[in-house]
Amino acid sequence: MNCPICNQPNECGIPAVQENGADCWCFHENFPKELLQQIPTNKRGKACICKRCLLANEDSLKT
C-alpha cells in the first residue's frame, strides 16, 4: 500500500499483524490532526500515512 499523502510505500505492518500478531510501527505513534487533515477525502480510512510523512510533519513543527 502507498501513503495517501506522498503516494510512496507506507511500510504498513498490518499484514504482519494479521499473520503473526506483531505490532505495526504506527500503533505506537501519535498522528496530529493537522497531518491527518492533509489526507485527501477520497483516501481517508483506506491507507496508512508513512513514517517519512509523520517525521517530516514533526520536523516542520520544530522549525
PDB file of N, CA and C in Angstrom:
ATOM      1  N   MET A   1       0.834  -1.191   0.000  1.00  0.00           N
ATOM      2  CA  MET A   1       0.000   0.000   0.000  1.00  0.00           C
ATOM      3  C   MET A   1       0.876   1.250   0.000  1.00  0.00           C
ATOM      4  N   ASN A   2       0.302   2.320  -0.469  1.00  0.00           N
ATOM      5  CA  ASN A   2       1.019   3.586  -0.523  1.00  0.00           C
ATOM      6  C   ASN A   2       0.403   4.601   0.425  1.00  0.00           C
ATOM      7  N   CYS A   3       1.250   5.504   0.883  1.00  0.00           N
ATOM      8  CA  CYS A   3       0.836   6.594   1.763  1.00  0.00           C
ATOM      9  C   CYS A   3      -0.144   7.501   1.009  1.00  0.00           C
ATOM     10  N   PRO A   4      -1.235   7.896   1.652  1.00  0.00           N
ATOM     11  CA  PRO A   4      -2.205   8.759   0.981  1.00  0.00           C
ATOM     12  C   PRO A   4      -1.730  10.199   0.813  1.00  0.00           C
ATOM     13  N   ILE A   5      -0.617  10.560   1.454  1.00  0.00           N
ATOM     14  CA  ILE A   5      -0.104  11.923   1.341  1.00  0.00           C
ATOM     15  C   ILE A   5       0.973  12.017   0.259  1.00  0.00           C
ATOM     16  N   CYS A   6       1.993  11.136   0.328  1.00  0.00           N
ATOM     17  CA  CYS A   6       3.109  11.224  -0.620  1.00  0.00           C
ATOM     18  C   CYS A   6       3.062  10.170  -1.720  1.00  0.00           C
ATOM     19  N   ASN A   7       2.172   9.209  -1.593  1.00  0.00           N
ATOM     20  CA  ASN A   7       1.984   8.129  -2.562  1.00  0.00           C
ATOM     21  C   ASN A   7       3.191   7.190  -2.673  1.00  0.00           C
ATOM     22  N   GLN A   8       4.060   7.189  -1.667  1.00  0.00           N
ATOM     23  CA  GLN A   8       5.183   6.257  -1.605  1.00  0.00           C
ATOM     24  C   GLN A   8       4.769   5.060  -0.748  1.00  0.00           C
ATOM     25  N   PRO A   9       5.494   3.934  -0.836  1.00  0.00           N
ATOM     26  CA  PRO A   9       5.151   2.777   0.005  1.00  0.00           C
ATOM     27  C   PRO A   9       5.116   3.175   1.480  1.00  0.00           C
ATOM     28  N   ASN A  10       4.072   2.747   2.181  1.00  0.00           N
ATOM     29  CA  ASN A  10       3.894   3.187   3.567  1.00  0.00           C
ATOM     30  C   ASN A  10       4.445   2.217   4.607  1.00  0.00           C
ATOM     31  N   GLU A  11       5.059   1.117   4.151  1.00  0.00           N
ATOM     32  CA  GLU A  11       5.670   0.156   5.080  1.00  0.00           C
ATOM     33  C   GLU A  11       4.663  -0.342   6.109  1.00  0.00           C
ATOM     34  N   CYS A  12       3.435  -0.501   5.685  1.00  0.00           N
ATOM     35  CA  CYS A  12       2.363  -0.915   6.592  1.00  0.00           C
ATOM     36  C   CYS A  12       2.650  -2.291   7.180  1.00  0.00           C
ATOM     37  N   GLY A  13       2.488  -2.411   8.492  1.00  0.00           N
ATOM     38  CA  GLY A  13       2.706  -3.676   9.172  1.00  0.00           C
ATOM     39  C   GLY A  13       1.433  -4.444   9.430  1.00  0.00           C
ATOM     40  N   ILE A  14       0.301  -3.946   8.966  1.00  0.00           N
ATOM     41  CA  ILE A  14      -0.975  -4.624   9.215  1.00  0.00           C
ATOM     42  C   ILE A  14      -0.973  -6.063   8.701  1.00  0.00           C
ATOM     43  N   PRO A  15      -0.422  -6.350   7.513  1.00  0.00           N
ATOM     44  CA  PRO A  15      -0.377  -7.762   7.100  1.00  0.00           C
ATOM     45  C   PRO A  15       0.379  -8.638   8.102  1.00  0.00           C
ATOM     46  N   ALA A  16       1.462  -8.115   8.690  1.00  0.00           N
ATOM     47  CA  ALA A  16       2.210  -8.875   9.698  1.00  0.00           C
ATOM     48  C   ALA A  16       1.378  -9.065  10.956  1.00  0.00           C
ATOM     49  N   VAL A  17       0.603  -8.048  11.304  1.00  0.00           N
ATOM     50  CA  VAL A  17      -0.278  -8.143  12.471  1.00  0.00           C
ATOM     51  C   VAL A  17      -1.276  -9.269  12.257  1.00  0.00           C
ATOM     52  N   GLN A  18      -1.861  -9.296  11.082  1.00  0.00           N
ATOM     53  CA  GLN A  18      -2.852 -10.324  10.774  1.00  0.00           C
ATOM     54  C   GLN A  18      -2.220 -11.711  10.711  1.00  0.00           C
ATOM     55  N   GLU A  19      -0.972 -11.773  10.260  1.00  0.00           N
ATOM     56  CA  GLU A  19      -0.306 -13.058  10.083  1.00  0.00           C
ATOM     57  C   GLU A  19       0.240 -13.628  11.388  1.00  0.00           C
ATOM     58  N   ASN A  20       0.907 -12.788  12.192  1.00  0.00           N
ATOM     59  CA  ASN A  20       1.554 -13.328  13.385  1.00  0.00           C
ATOM     60  C   ASN A  20       1.351 -12.521  14.659  1.00  0.00           C
ATOM     61  N   GLY A  21       0.493 -11.524  14.626  1.00  0.00           N
ATOM     62  CA  GLY A  21       0.177 -10.763  15.825  1.00  0.00           C
ATOM     63  C   GLY A  21       1.179  -9.683  16.191  1.00  0.00           C
ATOM     64  N   ALA A  22       2.173  -9.435  15.338  1.00  0.00           N
ATOM     65  CA  ALA A  22       3.159  -8.390  15.615  1.00  0.00           C
ATOM     66  C   ALA A  22       2.512  -7.010  15.494  1.00  0.00           C
ATOM     67  N   ASP A  23       3.044  -6.052  16.232  1.00  0.00           N
ATOM     68  CA  ASP A  23       2.552  -4.677  16.152  1.00  0.00           C
ATOM     69  C   ASP A  23       3.096  -3.984  14.908  1.00  0.00           C
ATOM     70  N   CYS A  24       2.298  -3.113  14.342  1.00  0.00           N
ATOM     71  CA  CYS A  24       2.767  -2.218  13.290  1.00  0.00           C
ATOM     72  C   CYS A  24       3.423  -1.016  13.974  1.00  0.00           C
ATOM     73  N   TRP A  25       4.414  -0.426  13.334  1.00  0.00           N
ATOM     74  CA  TRP A  25       5.108   0.729  13.912  1.00  0.00           C
ATOM     75  C   TRP A  25       4.138   1.847  14.268  1.00  0.00           C
ATOM     76  N   CYS A  26       3.067   1.976  13.484  1.00  0.00           N
ATOM     77  CA  CYS A  26       2.149   3.107  13.672  1.00  0.00           C
ATOM     78  C   CYS A  26       1.274   2.973  14.917  1.00  0.00           C
ATOM     79  N   PHE A  27       1.189   1.771  15.482  1.00  0.00           N
ATOM     80  CA  PHE A  27       0.356   1.574  16.666  1.00  0.00           C
ATOM     81  C   PHE A  27       0.850   2.397  17.853  1.00  0.00           C
ATOM     82  N   HIS A  28       2.118   2.772  17.827  1.00  0.00           N
ATOM     83  CA  HIS A  28       2.727   3.461  18.960  1.00  0.00           C
ATOM     84  C   HIS A  28       3.066   4.916  18.640  1.00  0.00           C
ATOM     85  N   GLU A  29       2.477   5.431  17.604  1.00  0.00           N
ATOM     86  CA  GLU A  29       2.739   6.809  17.179  1.00  0.00           C
ATOM     87  C   GLU A  29       1.499   7.672  17.364  1.00  0.00           C
ATOM     88  N   ASN A  30       1.725   8.967  17.450  1.00  0.00           N
ATOM     89  CA  ASN A  30       0.640   9.932  17.538  1.00  0.00           C
ATOM     90  C   ASN A  30       0.601  10.705  16.220  1.00  0.00           C
ATOM     91  N   PHE A  31      -0.520  10.646  15.537  1.00  0.00           N
ATOM     92  CA  PHE A  31      -0.680  11.337  14.265  1.00  0.00           C
ATOM     93  C   PHE A  31      -1.492  12.608  14.508  1.00  0.00           C
ATOM     94  N   PRO A  32      -0.824  13.772  14.442  1.00  0.00           N
ATOM     95  CA  PRO A  32      -1.506  15.035  14.714  1.00  0.00           C
ATOM     96  C   PRO A  32      -2.664  15.298  13.750  1.00  0.00           C
ATOM     97  N   LYS A  33      -3.642  15.993  14.266  1.00  0.00           N
ATOM     98  CA  LYS A  33      -4.826  16.346  13.482  1.00  0.00           C
ATOM     99  C   LYS A  33      -4.438  17.070  12.188  1.00  0.00           C
ATOM    100  N   GLU A  34      -3.439  17.950  12.277  1.00  0.00           N
ATOM    101  CA  GLU A  34      -3.007  18.712  11.103  1.00  0.00           C
ATOM    102  C   GLU A  34      -2.482  17.792  10.001  1.00  0.00           C
ATOM    103  N   LEU A  35      -1.799  16.720  10.397  1.00  0.00           N
ATOM    104  CA  LEU A  35      -1.284  15.764   9.417  1.00  0.00           C
ATOM    105  C   LEU A  35      -2.426  14.958   8.810  1.00  0.00           C
ATOM    106  N   LEU A  36      -3.338  14.511   9.638  1.00  0.00           N
ATOM    107  CA  LEU A  36      -4.478  13.730   9.149  1.00  0.00           C
ATOM    108  C   LEU A  36      -5.334  14.541   8.179  1.00  0.00           C
ATOM    109  N   GLN A  37      -5.403  15.849   8.395  1.00  0.00           N
ATOM    110  CA  GLN A  37      -6.193  16.705   7.513  1.00  0.00           C
ATOM    111  C   GLN A  37      -5.581  16.837   6.122  1.00  0.00           C
ATOM    112  N   GLN A  38      -4.314  16.445   5.971  1.00  0.00           N
ATOM    113  CA  GLN A  38      -3.654  16.504   4.660  1.00  0.00           C
ATOM    114  C   GLN A  38      -4.066  15.346   3.750  1.00  0.00           C
ATOM    115  N   ILE A  39      -4.716  14.338   4.325  1.00  0.00           N
ATOM    116  CA  ILE A  39      -5.140  13.186   3.532  1.00  0.00           C
ATOM    117  C   ILE A  39      -6.336  13.596   2.675  1.00  0.00           C
ATOM    118  N   PRO A  40      -6.260  13.370   1.360  1.00  0.00           N
ATOM    119  CA  PRO A  40      -7.412  13.682   0.506  1.00  0.00           C
ATOM    120  C   PRO A  40      -8.655  12.923   0.983  1.00  0.00           C
ATOM    121  N   THR A  41      -9.783  13.556   0.915  1.00  0.00           N
ATOM    122  CA  THR A  41     -11.037  12.977   1.405  1.00  0.00           C
ATOM    123  C   THR A  41     -11.288  11.585   0.850  1.00  0.00           C
ATOM    124  N   ASN A  42     -11.013  11.378  -0.421  1.00  0.00           N
ATOM    125  CA  ASN A  42     -11.295  10.080  -1.041  1.00  0.00           C
ATOM    126  C   ASN A  42     -10.325   8.974  -0.616  1.00  0.00           C
ATOM    127  N   LYS A  43      -9.276   9.320   0.129  1.00  0.00           N
ATOM    128  CA  LYS A  43      -8.300   8.322   0.585  1.00  0.00           C
ATOM    129  C   LYS A  43      -8.350   8.094   2.097  1.00  0.00           C
ATOM    130  N   ARG A  44      -9.188   8.834   2.796  1.00  0.00           N
ATOM    131  CA  ARG A  44      -9.256   8.705   4.257  1.00  0.00           C
ATOM    132  C   ARG A  44      -9.783   7.339   4.666  1.00  0.00           C
ATOM    133  N   GLY A  45      -9.096   6.738   5.635  1.00  0.00           N
ATOM    134  CA  GLY A  45      -9.501   5.441   6.153  1.00  0.00           C
ATOM    135  C   GLY A  45      -9.163   4.268   5.252  1.00  0.00           C
ATOM    136  N   LYS A  46      -8.377   4.510   4.211  1.00  0.00           N
ATOM    137  CA  LYS A  46      -8.072   3.441   3.257  1.00  0.00           C
ATOM    138  C   LYS A  46      -6.610   3.016   3.266  1.00  0.00           C
ATOM    139  N   ALA A  47      -5.713   3.875   3.735  1.00  0.00           N
ATOM    140  CA  ALA A  47      -4.288   3.547   3.763  1.00  0.00           C
ATOM    141  C   ALA A  47      -3.607   4.349   4.865  1.00  0.00           C
ATOM    142  N   CYS A  48      -2.523   3.793   5.374  1.00  0.00           N
ATOM    143  CA  CYS A  48      -1.776   4.425   6.466  1.00  0.00           C
ATOM    144  C   CYS A  48      -0.812   5.489   5.951  1.00  0.00           C
ATOM    145  N   ILE A  49      -0.620   6.514   6.749  1.00  0.00           N
ATOM    146  CA  ILE A  49       0.404   7.518   6.490  1.00  0.00           C
ATOM    147  C   ILE A  49       1.758   6.862   6.738  1.00  0.00           C
ATOM    148  N   CYS A  50       2.737   7.169   5.908  1.00  0.00           N
ATOM    149  CA  CYS A  50       4.064   6.569   6.074  1.00  0.00           C
ATOM    150  C   CYS A  50       4.866   7.294   7.159  1.00  0.00           C
ATOM    151  N   LYS A  51       5.910   6.618   7.610  1.00  0.00           N
ATOM    152  CA  LYS A  51       6.770   7.172   8.653  1.00  0.00           C
ATOM    153  C   LYS A  51       7.478   8.434   8.161  1.00  0.00           C
ATOM    154  N   ARG A  52       7.833   8.483   6.876  1.00  0.00           N
ATOM    155  CA  ARG A  52       8.500   9.669   6.329  1.00  0.00           C
ATOM    156  C   ARG A  52       7.621  10.908   6.471  1.00  0.00           C
ATOM    157  N   CYS A  53       6.339  10.782   6.151  1.00  0.00           N
ATOM    158  CA  CYS A  53       5.428  11.932   6.269  1.00  0.00           C
ATOM    159  C   CYS A  53       5.224  12.314   7.732  1.00  0.00           C
ATOM    160  N   LEU A  54       5.137  11.321   8.609  1.00  0.00           N
ATOM    161  CA  LEU A  54       4.993  11.610  10.035  1.00  0.00           C
ATOM    162  C   LEU A  54       6.214  12.364  10.542  1.00  0.00           C
ATOM    163  N   LEU A  55       7.416  11.886  10.203  1.00  0.00           N
ATOM    164  CA  LEU A  55       8.645  12.543  10.656  1.00  0.00           C
ATOM    165  C   LEU A  55       8.805  13.923  10.031  1.00  0.00           C
ATOM    166  N   ALA A  56       8.434  14.074   8.770  1.00  0.00           N
ATOM    167  CA  ALA A  56       8.511  15.383   8.116  1.00  0.00           C
ATOM    168  C   ALA A  56       7.584  16.373   8.805  1.00  0.00           C
ATOM    169  N   ASN A  57       6.414  15.907   9.216  1.00  0.00           N
ATOM    170  CA  ASN A  57       5.471  16.763   9.927  1.00  0.00           C
ATOM    171  C   ASN A  57       6.052  17.175  11.277  1.00  0.00           C
ATOM    172  N   GLU A  58       6.666  16.237  11.991  1.00  0.00           N
ATOM    173  CA  GLU A  58       7.278  16.550  13.283  1.00  0.00           C
ATOM    174  C   GLU A  58       8.401  17.562  13.108  1.00  0.00           C
ATOM    175  N   ASP A  59       9.228  17.386  12.065  1.00  0.00           N
ATOM    176  CA  ASP A  59      10.322  18.321  11.802  1.00  0.00           C
ATOM    177  C   ASP A  59       9.796  19.711  11.484  1.00  0.00           C
ATOM    178  N   SER A  60       8.700  19.800  10.753  1.00  0.00           N
ATOM    179  CA  SER A  60       8.148  21.107  10.391  1.00  0.00           C
ATOM    180  C   SER A  60       7.607  21.836  11.611  1.00  0.00           C
ATOM    181  N   LEU A  61       7.191  21.098  12.624  1.00  0.00           N
ATOM    182  CA  LEU A  61       6.693  21.725  13.842  1.00  0.00           C
ATOM    183  C   LEU A  61       7.823  22.285  14.693  1.00  0.00           C
ATOM    184  N   LYS A  62       9.035  21.765  14.523  1.00  0.00           N
ATOM    185  CA  LYS A  62      10.193  22.207  15.302  1.00  0.00           C
ATOM    186  C   LYS A  62      10.774  23.503  14.771  1.00  0.00           C
ATOM    187  N   THR A  63      10.533  23.799  13.490  1.00  0.00           N
ATOM    188  CA  THR A  63      11.139  24.994  12.896  1.00  0.00           C
ATOM    189  C   THR A  63      10.212  26.167  12.941  1.00  0.00           C
TER     190      THR A  63
END
